[in-house]
Amino acid sequence: MEIRQADRSEIEHFQLYDADNAGEEFIVVEHNDEIVGYAQYNSGREDAQIFFMESNIKGAGRAMIEWFQSEFVEIGAMNAVETARPFYAHFGFNDVRKNGWAGQVDMFWYLEE
């Protein structure tokens, strides 16, 4: 699987894509020359806030998290739903605070030095 920066137009065909989701930057996961996943996020110099991830094959979510962890020293998974909490926790994200949005939480990961 390959990860690359992308434009919004490349992810609009995904089932859960919503133009109103936060995040103005995008990465896509490609497998066999097909886009099989994407993440919508914002980034700063050393940090990123992931607002949405979607994939349609096993391993694409892992590939995106590993990419984020290789690029940034602080990552926030914003508005994580209950079913996504174990996924993020597997990669070292911690529940930090409830954000008041339908029981969702913001989870954070920090590079250990």
C-alpha atoms as a PDB file:
ATOM      1  CA  MET A   1       0.000   0.000   0.000  1.00  0.00           C
ATOM      2  CA  GLU A   2       1.196   3.456  -0.851  1.00  0.00           C
ATOM      3  CA  ILE A   3       0.269   6.725   0.896  1.00  0.00           C
ATOM      4  CA  ARG A   4       0.302  10.077  -0.850  1.00  0.00           C
ATOM      5  CA  GLN A   5      -1.092  13.582  -0.514  1.00  0.00           C
ATOM      6  CA  ALA A   6      -4.325  14.062  -2.415  1.00  0.00           C
ATOM      7  CA  ASP A   7      -6.923  16.575  -3.518  1.00  0.00           C
ATOM      8  CA  ARG A   8     -10.511  16.643  -2.270  1.00  0.00           C
ATOM      9  CA  SER A   9     -11.766  15.589  -5.710  1.00  0.00           C
ATOM     10  CA  GLU A  10     -10.001  12.231  -5.341  1.00  0.00           C
ATOM     11  CA  ILE A  11     -12.007  11.207  -2.273  1.00  0.00           C
ATOM     12  CA  GLU A  12     -15.489  12.520  -3.034  1.00  0.00           C
ATOM     13  CA  HIS A  13     -16.634   9.097  -4.279  1.00  0.00           C
ATOM     14  CA  PHE A  14     -16.240   7.429  -0.868  1.00  0.00           C
ATOM     15  CA  GLN A  15     -19.511   6.417   0.767  1.00  0.00           C
ATOM     16  CA  LEU A  16     -19.023   8.400   3.999  1.00  0.00           C
ATOM     17  CA  TYR A  17     -17.380  11.463   2.464  1.00  0.00           C
ATOM     18  CA  ASP A  18     -19.034  14.681   3.609  1.00  0.00           C
ATOM     19  CA  ALA A  19     -17.932  18.056   2.264  1.00  0.00           C
ATOM     20  CA  ASP A  20     -18.794  19.577   5.648  1.00  0.00           C
ATOM     21  CA  ASN A  21     -16.242  17.469   7.549  1.00  0.00           C
ATOM     22  CA  ALA A  22     -13.399  19.459   9.054  1.00  0.00           C
ATOM     23  CA  GLY A  23      -9.935  19.099   7.590  1.00  0.00           C
ATOM     24  CA  GLU A  24      -8.486  20.761   4.541  1.00  0.00           C
ATOM     25  CA  GLU A  25      -5.655  18.301   3.863  1.00  0.00           C
ATOM     26  CA  PHE A  26      -5.972  14.775   2.509  1.00  0.00           C
ATOM     27  CA  ILE A  27      -3.952  11.620   2.134  1.00  0.00           C
ATOM     28  CA  VAL A  28      -5.026   8.548   0.203  1.00  0.00           C
ATOM     29  CA  VAL A  29      -4.028   4.905   0.409  1.00  0.00           C
ATOM     30  CA  GLU A  30      -3.485   3.231  -2.934  1.00  0.00           C
ATOM     31  CA  HIS A  31      -3.459  -0.519  -3.517  1.00  0.00           C
ATOM     32  CA  ASN A  32      -3.078  -1.997  -7.016  1.00  0.00           C
ATOM     33  CA  ASP A  33      -3.403   1.530  -8.488  1.00  0.00           C
ATOM     34  CA  GLU A  34      -6.781   2.068  -6.803  1.00  0.00           C
ATOM     35  CA  ILE A  35      -7.578   4.502  -3.972  1.00  0.00           C
ATOM     36  CA  VAL A  36      -8.805   2.301  -1.107  1.00  0.00           C
ATOM     37  CA  GLY A  37      -8.797   4.763   1.785  1.00  0.00           C
ATOM     38  CA  TYR A  38      -8.349   8.367   2.798  1.00  0.00           C
ATOM     39  CA  ALA A  39      -7.844  10.625   5.781  1.00  0.00           C
ATOM     40  CA  GLN A  40      -9.010  14.205   6.139  1.00  0.00           C
ATOM     41  CA  TYR A  41      -6.871  16.312   8.482  1.00  0.00           C
ATOM     42  CA  ASN A  42      -5.193  19.610   9.294  1.00  0.00           C
ATOM     43  CA  SER A  43      -1.546  19.902  10.170  1.00  0.00           C
ATOM     44  CA  GLY A  44       0.891  22.301  11.718  1.00  0.00           C
ATOM     45  CA  ARG A  45       4.639  22.187  11.778  1.00  0.00           C
ATOM     46  CA  GLU A  46       4.854  19.070  13.982  1.00  0.00           C
ATOM     47  CA  ASP A  47       1.263  18.093  14.696  1.00  0.00           C
ATOM     48  CA  ALA A  48      -1.832  16.861  12.907  1.00  0.00           C
ATOM     49  CA  GLN A  49      -5.510  16.639  13.775  1.00  0.00           C
ATOM     50  CA  ILE A  50      -7.262  13.763  12.014  1.00  0.00           C
ATOM     51  CA  PHE A  51     -10.925  14.534  11.488  1.00  0.00           C
ATOM     52  CA  PHE A  52     -12.018  11.575   9.394  1.00  0.00           C
ATOM     53  CA  MET A  53     -10.655   8.320   8.026  1.00  0.00           C
ATOM     54  CA  GLU A  54     -12.369   5.832   5.746  1.00  0.00           C
ATOM     55  CA  SER A  55     -11.098   2.721   4.012  1.00  0.00           C
ATOM     56  CA  ASN A  56     -12.553  -0.240   2.218  1.00  0.00           C
ATOM     57  CA  ILE A  57      -9.801  -2.838   2.644  1.00  0.00           C
ATOM     58  CA  LYS A  58      -8.109  -4.334   5.670  1.00  0.00           C
ATOM     59  CA  GLY A  59      -4.803  -2.692   6.518  1.00  0.00           C
ATOM     60  CA  ALA A  60      -5.515   0.720   4.997  1.00  0.00           C
ATOM     61  CA  GLY A  61      -6.336   2.290   8.380  1.00  0.00           C
ATOM     62  CA  ARG A  62      -3.117   0.901   9.842  1.00  0.00           C
ATOM     63  CA  ALA A  63      -1.150   2.280   6.897  1.00  0.00           C
ATOM     64  CA  MET A  64      -2.605   5.761   7.410  1.00  0.00           C
ATOM     65  CA  ILE A  65      -1.898   5.819  11.171  1.00  0.00           C
ATOM     66  CA  GLU A  66       1.652   4.612  10.589  1.00  0.00           C
ATOM     67  CA  TRP A  67       2.103   7.378   8.018  1.00  0.00           C
ATOM     68  CA  PHE A  68       0.858  10.007  10.470  1.00  0.00           C
ATOM     69  CA  GLN A  69       3.143   8.647  13.202  1.00  0.00           C
ATOM     70  CA  SER A  70       6.130   8.829  10.848  1.00  0.00           C
ATOM     71  CA  GLU A  71       5.370  12.438   9.851  1.00  0.00           C
ATOM     72  CA  PHE A  72       4.288  14.129  13.099  1.00  0.00           C
ATOM     73  CA  VAL A  73       5.244  14.179  16.783  1.00  0.00           C
ATOM     74  CA  GLU A  74       1.703  14.935  18.023  1.00  0.00           C
ATOM     75  CA  ILE A  75      -1.506  13.593  16.517  1.00  0.00           C
ATOM     76  CA  GLY A  76      -5.096  14.140  17.560  1.00  0.00           C
ATOM     77  CA  ALA A  77      -7.919  11.855  16.473  1.00  0.00           C
ATOM     78  CA  MET A  78     -10.753  14.322  16.731  1.00  0.00           C
ATOM     79  CA  ASN A  79     -14.371  13.236  17.309  1.00  0.00           C
ATOM     80  CA  ALA A  80     -13.505   9.550  17.606  1.00  0.00           C
ATOM     81  CA  VAL A  81     -16.607   7.399  17.874  1.00  0.00           C
ATOM     82  CA  GLU A  82     -16.892   4.632  20.436  1.00  0.00           C
ATOM     83  CA  THR A  83     -16.205   1.894  17.896  1.00  0.00           C
ATOM     84  CA  ALA A  84     -12.955   3.601  16.793  1.00  0.00           C
ATOM     85  CA  ARG A  85     -11.512   3.959  20.295  1.00  0.00           C
ATOM     86  CA  PRO A  86      -9.904   0.474  20.387  1.00  0.00           C
ATOM     87  CA  PHE A  87      -8.351   1.057  16.956  1.00  0.00           C
ATOM     88  CA  TYR A  88      -6.657   4.282  18.030  1.00  0.00           C
ATOM     89  CA  ALA A  89      -5.713   2.837  21.434  1.00  0.00           C
ATOM     90  CA  HIS A  90      -3.910  -0.014  19.654  1.00  0.00           C
ATOM     91  CA  PHE A  91      -1.578   2.602  18.159  1.00  0.00           C
ATOM     92  CA  GLY A  92      -0.908   4.319  21.488  1.00  0.00           C
ATOM     93  CA  PHE A  93      -3.581   7.019  21.400  1.00  0.00           C
ATOM     94  CA  ASN A  94      -5.051   7.898  24.791  1.00  0.00           C
ATOM     95  CA  ASP A  95      -8.539   9.128  25.592  1.00  0.00           C
ATOM     96  CA  VAL A  96      -7.995  12.684  26.694  1.00  0.00           C
ATOM     97  CA  ARG A  97     -11.356  14.393  26.798  1.00  0.00           C
ATOM     98  CA  LYS A  98     -14.964  14.009  25.870  1.00  0.00           C
ATOM     99  CA  ASN A  99     -15.802  16.664  23.371  1.00  0.00           C
ATOM    100  CA  GLY A 100     -19.539  16.827  24.005  1.00  0.00           C
ATOM    101  CA  TRP A 101     -20.451  15.667  20.530  1.00  0.00           C
ATOM    102  CA  ALA A 102     -22.691  12.578  20.843  1.00  0.00           C
ATOM    103  CA  GLY A 103     -20.368  10.818  23.283  1.00  0.00           C
ATOM    104  CA  GLN A 104     -17.338  11.135  21.044  1.00  0.00           C
ATOM    105  CA  VAL A 105     -13.835  11.725  22.370  1.00  0.00           C
ATOM    106  CA  ASP A 106     -10.665  13.372  21.198  1.00  0.00           C
ATOM    107  CA  MET A 107      -7.738  10.957  21.462  1.00  0.00           C
ATOM    108  CA  PHE A 108      -4.078  11.959  21.302  1.00  0.00           C
ATOM    109  CA  TRP A 109      -0.744  10.361  20.489  1.00  0.00           C
ATOM    110  CA  TYR A 110       2.681  11.848  21.289  1.00  0.00           C
ATOM    111  CA  LEU A 111       6.017  10.637  19.972  1.00  0.00           C
ATOM    112  CA  GLU A 112       8.052   9.146  22.799  1.00  0.00           C
ATOM    113  CA  GLU A 113      11.668  10.192  22.791  1.00  0.00           C
END
